[in-house]
Every structure is written in C-alpha cells, then in structure tokens.
Amino acid sequence: KRDFGYNPNTPVEEGIRRFVEWYR
C-alpha cells in the first residue's frame, strides 16, 4: 500500500458471484 497505493476492494461474496457466473 505504501509503495504502490495497492487497495484490494473486491468483497469475497462478489468475487465468488463473478466466478460462478463465469463457471456456469
């Protein structure tokens, strides 16, 4: 975060939902 402004902001449930949509 300090060196690159890294900011992970994807909630786990939303990430799972996107995976499931792709999988189906």
mmCIF file of all heavy atoms, coordinates in Angstrom:
data_MODEL
# 
_entry.id   MODEL 
# 
loop_
_atom_site.group_PDB 
_atom_site.id 
_atom_site.type_symbol 
_atom_site.label_atom_id 
_atom_site.label_alt_id 
_atom_site.label_comp_id 
_atom_site.label_asym_id 
_atom_site.label_entity_id 
_atom_site.label_seq_id 
_atom_site.pdbx_PDB_ins_code 
_atom_site.Cartn_x 
_atom_site.Cartn_y 
_atom_site.Cartn_z 
_atom_site.occupancy 
_atom_site.B_iso_or_equiv 
_atom_site.pdbx_formal_charge 
_atom_site.auth_seq_id 
_atom_site.auth_comp_id 
_atom_site.auth_asym_id 
_atom_site.auth_atom_id 
_atom_site.pdbx_PDB_model_num 
ATOM 1   N N   . LYS A 1 1  ? 0.835   -1.213  0.000   1.00 0.00 ? 1  LYS A N   1 
ATOM 2   C CA  . LYS A 1 1  ? 0.000   0.000   0.000   1.00 0.00 ? 1  LYS A CA  1 
ATOM 3   C C   . LYS A 1 1  ? 0.861   1.250   0.000   1.00 0.00 ? 1  LYS A C   1 
ATOM 4   O O   . LYS A 1 1  ? 0.589   2.222   -0.714  1.00 0.00 ? 1  LYS A O   1 
ATOM 5   C CB  . LYS A 1 1  ? -0.936  -0.012  1.212   1.00 0.00 ? 1  LYS A CB  1 
ATOM 6   C CG  . LYS A 1 1  ? -2.061  -1.033  1.130   1.00 0.00 ? 1  LYS A CG  1 
ATOM 7   C CD  . LYS A 1 1  ? -2.991  -0.933  2.335   1.00 0.00 ? 1  LYS A CD  1 
ATOM 8   C CE  . LYS A 1 1  ? -4.170  -1.887  2.193   1.00 0.00 ? 1  LYS A CE  1 
ATOM 9   N NZ  . LYS A 1 1  ? -5.105  -1.790  3.338   1.00 0.00 ? 1  LYS A NZ  1 
ATOM 10  N N   . ARG A 1 2  ? 1.911   1.241   0.813   1.00 0.00 ? 2  ARG A N   1 
ATOM 11  C CA  . ARG A 1 2  ? 2.787   2.403   0.926   1.00 0.00 ? 2  ARG A CA  1 
ATOM 12  C C   . ARG A 1 2  ? 3.513   2.700   -0.387  1.00 0.00 ? 2  ARG A C   1 
ATOM 13  O O   . ARG A 1 2  ? 3.577   3.849   -0.829  1.00 0.00 ? 2  ARG A O   1 
ATOM 14  C CB  . ARG A 1 2  ? 3.815   2.144   2.030   1.00 0.00 ? 2  ARG A CB  1 
ATOM 15  C CG  . ARG A 1 2  ? 4.847   3.250   2.229   1.00 0.00 ? 2  ARG A CG  1 
ATOM 16  C CD  . ARG A 1 2  ? 6.007   2.739   3.054   1.00 0.00 ? 2  ARG A CD  1 
ATOM 17  N NE  . ARG A 1 2  ? 6.764   1.707   2.331   1.00 0.00 ? 2  ARG A NE  1 
ATOM 18  C CZ  . ARG A 1 2  ? 7.494   0.771   2.918   1.00 0.00 ? 2  ARG A CZ  1 
ATOM 19  N NH1 . ARG A 1 2  ? 7.550   0.695   4.241   1.00 0.00 ? 2  ARG A NH1 1 
ATOM 20  N NH2 . ARG A 1 2  ? 8.150   -0.121  2.182   1.00 0.00 ? 2  ARG A NH2 1 
ATOM 21  N N   . ASP A 1 3  ? 4.051   1.666   -1.031  1.00 0.00 ? 3  ASP A N   1 
ATOM 22  C CA  . ASP A 1 3  ? 4.908   1.875   -2.197  1.00 0.00 ? 3  ASP A CA  1 
ATOM 23  C C   . ASP A 1 3  ? 4.146   1.986   -3.512  1.00 0.00 ? 3  ASP A C   1 
ATOM 24  O O   . ASP A 1 3  ? 4.638   2.610   -4.458  1.00 0.00 ? 3  ASP A O   1 
ATOM 25  C CB  . ASP A 1 3  ? 5.926   0.732   -2.297  1.00 0.00 ? 3  ASP A CB  1 
ATOM 26  C CG  . ASP A 1 3  ? 6.921   0.737   -1.151  1.00 0.00 ? 3  ASP A CG  1 
ATOM 27  O OD1 . ASP A 1 3  ? 6.969   1.736   -0.402  1.00 0.00 ? 3  ASP A OD1 1 
ATOM 28  O OD2 . ASP A 1 3  ? 7.649   -0.272  -0.994  1.00 0.00 ? 3  ASP A OD2 1 
ATOM 29  N N   . PHE A 1 4  ? 2.944   1.380   -3.574  1.00 0.00 ? 4  PHE A N   1 
ATOM 30  C CA  . PHE A 1 4  ? 2.230   1.352   -4.857  1.00 0.00 ? 4  PHE A CA  1 
ATOM 31  C C   . PHE A 1 4  ? 0.765   1.777   -4.768  1.00 0.00 ? 4  PHE A C   1 
ATOM 32  O O   . PHE A 1 4  ? 0.047   1.707   -5.765  1.00 0.00 ? 4  PHE A O   1 
ATOM 33  C CB  . PHE A 1 4  ? 2.304   -0.063  -5.463  1.00 0.00 ? 4  PHE A CB  1 
ATOM 34  C CG  . PHE A 1 4  ? 3.697   -0.500  -5.798  1.00 0.00 ? 4  PHE A CG  1 
ATOM 35  C CD1 . PHE A 1 4  ? 4.395   -1.338  -4.941  1.00 0.00 ? 4  PHE A CD1 1 
ATOM 36  C CD2 . PHE A 1 4  ? 4.324   -0.067  -6.956  1.00 0.00 ? 4  PHE A CD2 1 
ATOM 37  C CE1 . PHE A 1 4  ? 5.682   -1.754  -5.230  1.00 0.00 ? 4  PHE A CE1 1 
ATOM 38  C CE2 . PHE A 1 4  ? 5.615   -0.470  -7.261  1.00 0.00 ? 4  PHE A CE2 1 
ATOM 39  C CZ  . PHE A 1 4  ? 6.303   -1.317  -6.394  1.00 0.00 ? 4  PHE A CZ  1 
ATOM 40  N N   . GLY A 1 5  ? 0.313   2.173   -3.593  1.00 0.00 ? 5  GLY A N   1 
ATOM 41  C CA  . GLY A 1 5  ? -1.088  2.542   -3.458  1.00 0.00 ? 5  GLY A CA  1 
ATOM 42  C C   . GLY A 1 5  ? -2.024  1.370   -3.661  1.00 0.00 ? 5  GLY A C   1 
ATOM 43  O O   . GLY A 1 5  ? -3.181  1.546   -4.074  1.00 0.00 ? 5  GLY A O   1 
ATOM 44  N N   . TYR A 1 6  ? -1.560  0.175   -3.360  1.00 0.00 ? 6  TYR A N   1 
ATOM 45  C CA  . TYR A 1 6  ? -2.359  -1.040  -3.535  1.00 0.00 ? 6  TYR A CA  1 
ATOM 46  C C   . TYR A 1 6  ? -3.598  -0.993  -2.649  1.00 0.00 ? 6  TYR A C   1 
ATOM 47  O O   . TYR A 1 6  ? -3.525  -0.668  -1.468  1.00 0.00 ? 6  TYR A O   1 
ATOM 48  C CB  . TYR A 1 6  ? -1.502  -2.249  -3.173  1.00 0.00 ? 6  TYR A CB  1 
ATOM 49  C CG  . TYR A 1 6  ? -2.211  -3.584  -3.180  1.00 0.00 ? 6  TYR A CG  1 
ATOM 50  C CD1 . TYR A 1 6  ? -2.645  -4.167  -4.372  1.00 0.00 ? 6  TYR A CD1 1 
ATOM 51  C CD2 . TYR A 1 6  ? -2.424  -4.282  -1.991  1.00 0.00 ? 6  TYR A CD2 1 
ATOM 52  C CE1 . TYR A 1 6  ? -3.268  -5.407  -4.372  1.00 0.00 ? 6  TYR A CE1 1 
ATOM 53  C CE2 . TYR A 1 6  ? -3.044  -5.526  -1.987  1.00 0.00 ? 6  TYR A CE2 1 
ATOM 54  C CZ  . TYR A 1 6  ? -3.471  -6.076  -3.175  1.00 0.00 ? 6  TYR A CZ  1 
ATOM 55  O OH  . TYR A 1 6  ? -4.089  -7.304  -3.181  1.00 0.00 ? 6  TYR A OH  1 
ATOM 56  N N   . ASN A 1 7  ? -4.751  -1.299  -3.246  1.00 0.00 ? 7  ASN A N   1 
ATOM 57  C CA  . ASN A 1 7  ? -6.003  -1.193  -2.496  1.00 0.00 ? 7  ASN A CA  1 
ATOM 58  C C   . ASN A 1 7  ? -6.992  -2.259  -2.950  1.00 0.00 ? 7  ASN A C   1 
ATOM 59  O O   . ASN A 1 7  ? -7.885  -1.988  -3.763  1.00 0.00 ? 7  ASN A O   1 
ATOM 60  C CB  . ASN A 1 7  ? -6.617  0.205   -2.675  1.00 0.00 ? 7  ASN A CB  1 
ATOM 61  C CG  . ASN A 1 7  ? -7.889  0.375   -1.876  1.00 0.00 ? 7  ASN A CG  1 
ATOM 62  O OD1 . ASN A 1 7  ? -8.030  -0.173  -0.785  1.00 0.00 ? 7  ASN A OD1 1 
ATOM 63  N ND2 . ASN A 1 7  ? -8.834  1.136   -2.417  1.00 0.00 ? 7  ASN A ND2 1 
ATOM 64  N N   . PRO A 1 8  ? -6.866  -3.498  -2.447  1.00 0.00 ? 8  PRO A N   1 
ATOM 65  C CA  . PRO A 1 8  ? -7.829  -4.541  -2.827  1.00 0.00 ? 8  PRO A CA  1 
ATOM 66  C C   . PRO A 1 8  ? -9.214  -4.193  -2.309  1.00 0.00 ? 8  PRO A C   1 
ATOM 67  O O   . PRO A 1 8  ? -9.380  -3.875  -1.132  1.00 0.00 ? 8  PRO A O   1 
ATOM 68  C CB  . PRO A 1 8  ? -7.278  -5.793  -2.139  1.00 0.00 ? 8  PRO A CB  1 
ATOM 69  C CG  . PRO A 1 8  ? -6.494  -5.265  -0.973  1.00 0.00 ? 8  PRO A CG  1 
ATOM 70  C CD  . PRO A 1 8  ? -5.912  -3.961  -1.425  1.00 0.00 ? 8  PRO A CD  1 
ATOM 71  N N   . ASN A 1 9  ? -10.204 -4.205  -3.189  1.00 0.00 ? 9  ASN A N   1 
ATOM 72  C CA  . ASN A 1 9  ? -11.533 -3.732  -2.766  1.00 0.00 ? 9  ASN A CA  1 
ATOM 73  C C   . ASN A 1 9  ? -12.679 -4.603  -3.265  1.00 0.00 ? 9  ASN A C   1 
ATOM 74  O O   . ASN A 1 9  ? -13.825 -4.141  -3.315  1.00 0.00 ? 9  ASN A O   1 
ATOM 75  C CB  . ASN A 1 9  ? -11.747 -2.284  -3.234  1.00 0.00 ? 9  ASN A CB  1 
ATOM 76  C CG  . ASN A 1 9  ? -11.569 -2.111  -4.729  1.00 0.00 ? 9  ASN A CG  1 
ATOM 77  O OD1 . ASN A 1 9  ? -11.576 -3.086  -5.476  1.00 0.00 ? 9  ASN A OD1 1 
ATOM 78  N ND2 . ASN A 1 9  ? -11.390 -0.874  -5.167  1.00 0.00 ? 9  ASN A ND2 1 
ATOM 79  N N   . THR A 1 10 ? -12.402 -5.862  -3.624  1.00 0.00 ? 10 THR A N   1 
ATOM 80  C CA  . THR A 1 10 ? -13.464 -6.750  -4.091  1.00 0.00 ? 10 THR A CA  1 
ATOM 81  C C   . THR A 1 10 ? -13.937 -7.626  -2.934  1.00 0.00 ? 10 THR A C   1 
ATOM 82  O O   . THR A 1 10 ? -13.187 -8.470  -2.450  1.00 0.00 ? 10 THR A O   1 
ATOM 83  C CB  . THR A 1 10 ? -12.979 -7.648  -5.238  1.00 0.00 ? 10 THR A CB  1 
ATOM 84  O OG1 . THR A 1 10 ? -12.393 -6.847  -6.265  1.00 0.00 ? 10 THR A OG1 1 
ATOM 85  C CG2 . THR A 1 10 ? -14.136 -8.463  -5.805  1.00 0.00 ? 10 THR A CG2 1 
ATOM 86  N N   . PRO A 1 11 ? -15.180 -7.445  -2.472  1.00 0.00 ? 11 PRO A N   1 
ATOM 87  C CA  . PRO A 1 11 ? -15.696 -8.316  -1.402  1.00 0.00 ? 11 PRO A CA  1 
ATOM 88  C C   . PRO A 1 11 ? -15.698 -9.773  -1.844  1.00 0.00 ? 11 PRO A C   1 
ATOM 89  O O   . PRO A 1 11 ? -15.944 -10.078 -3.019  1.00 0.00 ? 11 PRO A O   1 
ATOM 90  C CB  . PRO A 1 11 ? -17.125 -7.792  -1.186  1.00 0.00 ? 11 PRO A CB  1 
ATOM 91  C CG  . PRO A 1 11 ? -17.135 -6.412  -1.768  1.00 0.00 ? 11 PRO A CG  1 
ATOM 92  C CD  . PRO A 1 11 ? -16.163 -6.440  -2.902  1.00 0.00 ? 11 PRO A CD  1 
ATOM 93  N N   . VAL A 1 12 ? -15.439 -10.671 -0.915  1.00 0.00 ? 12 VAL A N   1 
ATOM 94  C CA  . VAL A 1 12 ? -15.333 -12.086 -1.252  1.00 0.00 ? 12 VAL A CA  1 
ATOM 95  C C   . VAL A 1 12 ? -16.615 -12.604 -1.897  1.00 0.00 ? 12 VAL A C   1 
ATOM 96  O O   . VAL A 1 12 ? -16.573 -13.340 -2.897  1.00 0.00 ? 12 VAL A O   1 
ATOM 97  C CB  . VAL A 1 12 ? -14.963 -12.921 -0.010  1.00 0.00 ? 12 VAL A CB  1 
ATOM 98  C CG1 . VAL A 1 12 ? -15.139 -14.409 -0.281  1.00 0.00 ? 12 VAL A CG1 1 
ATOM 99  C CG2 . VAL A 1 12 ? -13.523 -12.641 0.401   1.00 0.00 ? 12 VAL A CG2 1 
ATOM 100 N N   . GLU A 1 13 ? -17.767 -12.232 -1.369  1.00 0.00 ? 13 GLU A N   1 
ATOM 101 C CA  . GLU A 1 13 ? -19.021 -12.748 -1.936  1.00 0.00 ? 13 GLU A CA  1 
ATOM 102 C C   . GLU A 1 13 ? -19.215 -12.272 -3.373  1.00 0.00 ? 13 GLU A C   1 
ATOM 103 O O   . GLU A 1 13 ? -19.710 -13.012 -4.225  1.00 0.00 ? 13 GLU A O   1 
ATOM 104 C CB  . GLU A 1 13 ? -20.211 -12.353 -1.058  1.00 0.00 ? 13 GLU A CB  1 
ATOM 105 C CG  . GLU A 1 13 ? -21.492 -13.043 -1.471  1.00 0.00 ? 13 GLU A CG  1 
ATOM 106 C CD  . GLU A 1 13 ? -22.345 -13.491 -0.288  1.00 0.00 ? 13 GLU A CD  1 
ATOM 107 O OE1 . GLU A 1 13 ? -21.878 -13.441 0.865   1.00 0.00 ? 13 GLU A OE1 1 
ATOM 108 O OE2 . GLU A 1 13 ? -23.482 -13.910 -0.531  1.00 0.00 ? 13 GLU A OE2 1 
ATOM 109 N N   . GLU A 1 14 ? -18.813 -11.026 -3.660  1.00 0.00 ? 14 GLU A N   1 
ATOM 110 C CA  . GLU A 1 14 ? -18.905 -10.521 -5.027  1.00 0.00 ? 14 GLU A CA  1 
ATOM 111 C C   . GLU A 1 14 ? -17.939 -11.267 -5.940  1.00 0.00 ? 14 GLU A C   1 
ATOM 112 O O   . GLU A 1 14 ? -18.282 -11.603 -7.080  1.00 0.00 ? 14 GLU A O   1 
ATOM 113 C CB  . GLU A 1 14 ? -18.606 -9.024  -5.057  1.00 0.00 ? 14 GLU A CB  1 
ATOM 114 C CG  . GLU A 1 14 ? -18.582 -8.410  -6.456  1.00 0.00 ? 14 GLU A CG  1 
ATOM 115 C CD  . GLU A 1 14 ? -19.893 -8.564  -7.213  1.00 0.00 ? 14 GLU A CD  1 
ATOM 116 O OE1 . GLU A 1 14 ? -20.959 -8.673  -6.564  1.00 0.00 ? 14 GLU A OE1 1 
ATOM 117 O OE2 . GLU A 1 14 ? -19.860 -8.583  -8.461  1.00 0.00 ? 14 GLU A OE2 1 
ATOM 118 N N   . GLY A 1 15 ? -16.741 -11.541 -5.452  1.00 0.00 ? 15 GLY A N   1 
ATOM 119 C CA  . GLY A 1 15 ? -15.782 -12.295 -6.250  1.00 0.00 ? 15 GLY A CA  1 
ATOM 120 C C   . GLY A 1 15 ? -16.269 -13.697 -6.550  1.00 0.00 ? 15 GLY A C   1 
ATOM 121 O O   . GLY A 1 15 ? -16.110 -14.198 -7.670  1.00 0.00 ? 15 GLY A O   1 
ATOM 122 N N   . ILE A 1 16 ? -16.874 -14.342 -5.557  1.00 0.00 ? 16 ILE A N   1 
ATOM 123 C CA  . ILE A 1 16 ? -17.439 -15.677 -5.770  1.00 0.00 ? 16 ILE A CA  1 
ATOM 124 C C   . ILE A 1 16 ? -18.555 -15.614 -6.805  1.00 0.00 ? 16 ILE A C   1 
ATOM 125 O O   . ILE A 1 16 ? -18.655 -16.467 -7.694  1.00 0.00 ? 16 ILE A O   1 
ATOM 126 C CB  . ILE A 1 16 ? -17.963 -16.263 -4.440  1.00 0.00 ? 16 ILE A CB  1 
ATOM 127 C CG1 . ILE A 1 16 ? -16.806 -16.521 -3.478  1.00 0.00 ? 16 ILE A CG1 1 
ATOM 128 C CG2 . ILE A 1 16 ? -18.743 -17.557 -4.699  1.00 0.00 ? 16 ILE A CG2 1 
ATOM 129 C CD1 . ILE A 1 16 ? -17.252 -16.926 -2.087  1.00 0.00 ? 16 ILE A CD1 1 
ATOM 130 N N   . ARG A 1 17 ? -19.395 -14.589 -6.704  1.00 0.00 ? 17 ARG A N   1 
ATOM 131 C CA  . ARG A 1 17 ? -20.511 -14.462 -7.651  1.00 0.00 ? 17 ARG A CA  1 
ATOM 132 C C   . ARG A 1 17 ? -19.995 -14.354 -9.095  1.00 0.00 ? 17 ARG A C   1 
ATOM 133 O O   . ARG A 1 17 ? -20.518 -14.990 -10.013 1.00 0.00 ? 17 ARG A O   1 
ATOM 134 C CB  . ARG A 1 17 ? -21.346 -13.218 -7.297  1.00 0.00 ? 17 ARG A CB  1 
ATOM 135 C CG  . ARG A 1 17 ? -22.617 -13.080 -8.132  1.00 0.00 ? 17 ARG A CG  1 
ATOM 136 C CD  . ARG A 1 17 ? -23.404 -11.830 -7.717  1.00 0.00 ? 17 ARG A CD  1 
ATOM 137 N NE  . ARG A 1 17 ? -23.630 -11.798 -6.284  1.00 0.00 ? 17 ARG A NE  1 
ATOM 138 C CZ  . ARG A 1 17 ? -24.577 -12.481 -5.656  1.00 0.00 ? 17 ARG A CZ  1 
ATOM 139 N NH1 . ARG A 1 17 ? -25.375 -13.275 -6.362  1.00 0.00 ? 17 ARG A NH1 1 
ATOM 140 N NH2 . ARG A 1 17 ? -24.718 -12.401 -4.354  1.00 0.00 ? 17 ARG A NH2 1 
ATOM 141 N N   . ARG A 1 18 ? -18.940 -13.572 -9.291  1.00 0.00 ? 18 ARG A N   1 
ATOM 142 C CA  . ARG A 1 18 ? -18.379 -13.417 -10.637 1.00 0.00 ? 18 ARG A CA  1 
ATOM 143 C C   . ARG A 1 18 ? -17.792 -14.734 -11.135 1.00 0.00 ? 18 ARG A C   1 
ATOM 144 O O   . ARG A 1 18 ? -17.913 -15.068 -12.313 1.00 0.00 ? 18 ARG A O   1 
ATOM 145 C CB  . ARG A 1 18 ? -17.307 -12.326 -10.633 1.00 0.00 ? 18 ARG A CB  1 
ATOM 146 C CG  . ARG A 1 18 ? -17.848 -10.932 -10.346 1.00 0.00 ? 18 ARG A CG  1 
ATOM 147 C CD  . ARG A 1 18 ? -16.704 -9.929  -10.281 1.00 0.00 ? 18 ARG A CD  1 
ATOM 148 N NE  . ARG A 1 18 ? -17.135 -8.646  -9.734  1.00 0.00 ? 18 ARG A NE  1 
ATOM 149 C CZ  . ARG A 1 18 ? -16.313 -7.634  -9.479  1.00 0.00 ? 18 ARG A CZ  1 
ATOM 150 N NH1 . ARG A 1 18 ? -15.014 -7.756  -9.725  1.00 0.00 ? 18 ARG A NH1 1 
ATOM 151 N NH2 . ARG A 1 18 ? -16.780 -6.496  -8.970  1.00 0.00 ? 18 ARG A NH2 1 
ATOM 152 N N   . PHE A 1 19 ? -17.156 -15.480 -10.227 1.00 0.00 ? 19 PHE A N   1 
ATOM 153 C CA  . PHE A 1 19 ? -16.619 -16.778 -10.632 1.00 0.00 ? 19 PHE A CA  1 
ATOM 154 C C   . PHE A 1 19 ? -17.741 -17.726 -11.034 1.00 0.00 ? 19 PHE A C   1 
ATOM 155 O O   . PHE A 1 19 ? -17.647 -18.413 -12.065 1.00 0.00 ? 19 PHE A O   1 
ATOM 156 C CB  . PHE A 1 19 ? -15.803 -17.410 -9.499  1.00 0.00 ? 19 PHE A CB  1 
ATOM 157 C CG  . PHE A 1 19 ? -15.440 -18.847 -9.791  1.00 0.00 ? 19 PHE A CG  1 
ATOM 158 C CD1 . PHE A 1 19 ? -14.351 -19.151 -10.598 1.00 0.00 ? 19 PHE A CD1 1 
ATOM 159 C CD2 . PHE A 1 19 ? -16.217 -19.896 -9.306  1.00 0.00 ? 19 PHE A CD2 1 
ATOM 160 C CE1 . PHE A 1 19 ? -14.034 -20.468 -10.893 1.00 0.00 ? 19 PHE A CE1 1 
ATOM 161 C CE2 . PHE A 1 19 ? -15.906 -21.213 -9.595  1.00 0.00 ? 19 PHE A CE2 1 
ATOM 162 C CZ  . PHE A 1 19 ? -14.809 -21.504 -10.400 1.00 0.00 ? 19 PHE A CZ  1 
ATOM 163 N N   . VAL A 1 20 ? -18.788 -17.789 -10.224 1.00 0.00 ? 20 VAL A N   1 
ATOM 164 C CA  . VAL A 1 20 ? -19.890 -18.708 -10.501 1.00 0.00 ? 20 VAL A CA  1 
ATOM 165 C C   . VAL A 1 20 ? -20.552 -18.357 -11.836 1.00 0.00 ? 20 VAL A C   1 
ATOM 166 O O   . VAL A 1 20 ? -20.907 -19.252 -12.620 1.00 0.00 ? 20 VAL A O   1 
ATOM 167 C CB  . VAL A 1 20 ? -20.915 -18.694 -9.349  1.00 0.00 ? 20 VAL A CB  1 
ATOM 168 C CG1 . VAL A 1 20 ? -22.199 -19.417 -9.756  1.00 0.00 ? 20 VAL A CG1 1 
ATOM 169 C CG2 . VAL A 1 20 ? -20.313 -19.355 -8.105  1.00 0.00 ? 20 VAL A CG2 1 
ATOM 170 N N   . GLU A 1 21 ? -20.719 -17.076 -12.106 1.00 0.00 ? 21 GLU A N   1 
ATOM 171 C CA  . GLU A 1 21 ? -21.291 -16.666 -13.401 1.00 0.00 ? 21 GLU A CA  1 
ATOM 172 C C   . GLU A 1 21 ? -20.422 -17.157 -14.550 1.00 0.00 ? 21 GLU A C   1 
ATOM 173 O O   . GLU A 1 21 ? -20.929 -17.666 -15.557 1.00 0.00 ? 21 GLU A O   1 
ATOM 174 C CB  . GLU A 1 21 ? -21.433 -15.142 -13.445 1.00 0.00 ? 21 GLU A CB  1 
ATOM 175 C CG  . GLU A 1 21 ? -22.532 -14.605 -12.545 1.00 0.00 ? 21 GLU A CG  1 
ATOM 176 C CD  . GLU A 1 21 ? -22.550 -13.082 -12.494 1.00 0.00 ? 21 GLU A CD  1 
ATOM 177 O OE1 . GLU A 1 21 ? -21.628 -12.457 -13.094 1.00 0.00 ? 21 GLU A OE1 1 
ATOM 178 O OE2 . GLU A 1 21 ? -23.458 -12.518 -11.862 1.00 0.00 ? 21 GLU A OE2 1 
ATOM 179 N N   . TRP A 1 22 ? -19.100 -16.999 -14.404 1.00 0.00 ? 22 TRP A N   1 
ATOM 180 C CA  . TRP A 1 22 ? -18.200 -17.498 -15.448 1.00 0.00 ? 22 TRP A CA  1 
ATOM 181 C C   . TRP A 1 22 ? -18.301 -19.014 -15.561 1.00 0.00 ? 22 TRP A C   1 
ATOM 182 O O   . TRP A 1 22 ? -18.384 -19.550 -16.670 1.00 0.00 ? 22 TRP A O   1 
ATOM 183 C CB  . TRP A 1 22 ? -16.742 -17.109 -15.139 1.00 0.00 ? 22 TRP A CB  1 
ATOM 184 C CG  . TRP A 1 22 ? -15.794 -17.883 -16.003 1.00 0.00 ? 22 TRP A CG  1 
ATOM 185 C CD1 . TRP A 1 22 ? -15.464 -17.611 -17.292 1.00 0.00 ? 22 TRP A CD1 1 
ATOM 186 C CD2 . TRP A 1 22 ? -15.126 -19.112 -15.663 1.00 0.00 ? 22 TRP A CD2 1 
ATOM 187 N NE1 . TRP A 1 22 ? -14.614 -18.583 -17.787 1.00 0.00 ? 22 TRP A NE1 1 
ATOM 188 C CE2 . TRP A 1 22 ? -14.394 -19.518 -16.804 1.00 0.00 ? 22 TRP A CE2 1 
ATOM 189 C CE3 . TRP A 1 22 ? -15.076 -19.900 -14.513 1.00 0.00 ? 22 TRP A CE3 1 
ATOM 190 C CZ2 . TRP A 1 22 ? -13.615 -20.673 -16.817 1.00 0.00 ? 22 TRP A CZ2 1 
ATOM 191 C CZ3 . TRP A 1 22 ? -14.299 -21.056 -14.515 1.00 0.00 ? 22 TRP A CZ3 1 
ATOM 192 C CH2 . TRP A 1 22 ? -13.582 -21.432 -15.664 1.00 0.00 ? 22 TRP A CH2 1 
ATOM 193 N N   . TYR A 1 23 ? -18.290 -19.707 -14.431 1.00 0.00 ? 23 TYR A N   1 
ATOM 194 C CA  . TYR A 1 23 ? -18.304 -21.168 -14.429 1.00 0.00 ? 23 TYR A CA  1 
ATOM 195 C C   . TYR A 1 23 ? -19.550 -21.702 -15.126 1.00 0.00 ? 23 TYR A C   1 
ATOM 196 O O   . TYR A 1 23 ? -19.476 -22.607 -15.971 1.00 0.00 ? 23 TYR A O   1 
ATOM 197 C CB  . TYR A 1 23 ? -18.239 -21.687 -12.986 1.00 0.00 ? 23 TYR A CB  1 
ATOM 198 C CG  . TYR A 1 23 ? -18.130 -23.193 -12.877 1.00 0.00 ? 23 TYR A CG  1 
ATOM 199 C CD1 . TYR A 1 23 ? -16.888 -23.808 -12.755 1.00 0.00 ? 23 TYR A CD1 1 
ATOM 200 C CD2 . TYR A 1 23 ? -19.269 -24.008 -12.903 1.00 0.00 ? 23 TYR A CD2 1 
ATOM 201 C CE1 . TYR A 1 23 ? -16.777 -25.194 -12.657 1.00 0.00 ? 23 TYR A CE1 1 
ATOM 202 C CE2 . TYR A 1 23 ? -19.167 -25.380 -12.812 1.00 0.00 ? 23 TYR A CE2 1 
ATOM 203 C CZ  . TYR A 1 23 ? -17.921 -25.977 -12.692 1.00 0.00 ? 23 TYR A CZ  1 
ATOM 204 O OH  . TYR A 1 23 ? -17.825 -27.340 -12.617 1.00 0.00 ? 23 TYR A OH  1 
ATOM 205 N N   . ARG A 1 24 ? -20.715 -21.144 -14.786 1.00 0.00 ? 24 ARG A N   1 
ATOM 206 C CA  . ARG A 1 24 ? -21.958 -21.604 -15.401 1.00 0.00 ? 24 ARG A CA  1 
ATOM 207 C C   . ARG A 1 24 ? -21.944 -21.353 -16.907 1.00 0.00 ? 24 ARG A C   1 
ATOM 208 O O   . ARG A 1 24 ? -22.429 -22.179 -17.695 1.00 0.00 ? 24 ARG A O   1 
ATOM 209 C CB  . ARG A 1 24 ? -23.149 -20.892 -14.754 1.00 0.00 ? 24 ARG A CB  1 
ATOM 210 C CG  . ARG A 1 24 ? -23.484 -21.401 -13.344 1.00 0.00 ? 24 ARG A CG  1 
ATOM 211 C CD  . ARG A 1 24 ? -24.788 -20.760 -12.879 1.00 0.00 ? 24 ARG A CD  1 
ATOM 212 N NE  . ARG A 1 24 ? -25.230 -21.196 -11.573 1.00 0.00 ? 24 ARG A NE  1 
ATOM 213 C CZ  . ARG A 1 24 ? -25.899 -22.317 -11.330 1.00 0.00 ? 24 ARG A CZ  1 
ATOM 214 N NH1 . ARG A 1 24 ? -26.169 -23.134 -12.332 1.00 0.00 ? 24 ARG A NH1 1 
ATOM 215 N NH2 . ARG A 1 24 ? -26.276 -22.630 -10.109 1.00 0.00 ? 24 ARG A NH2 1 
# 
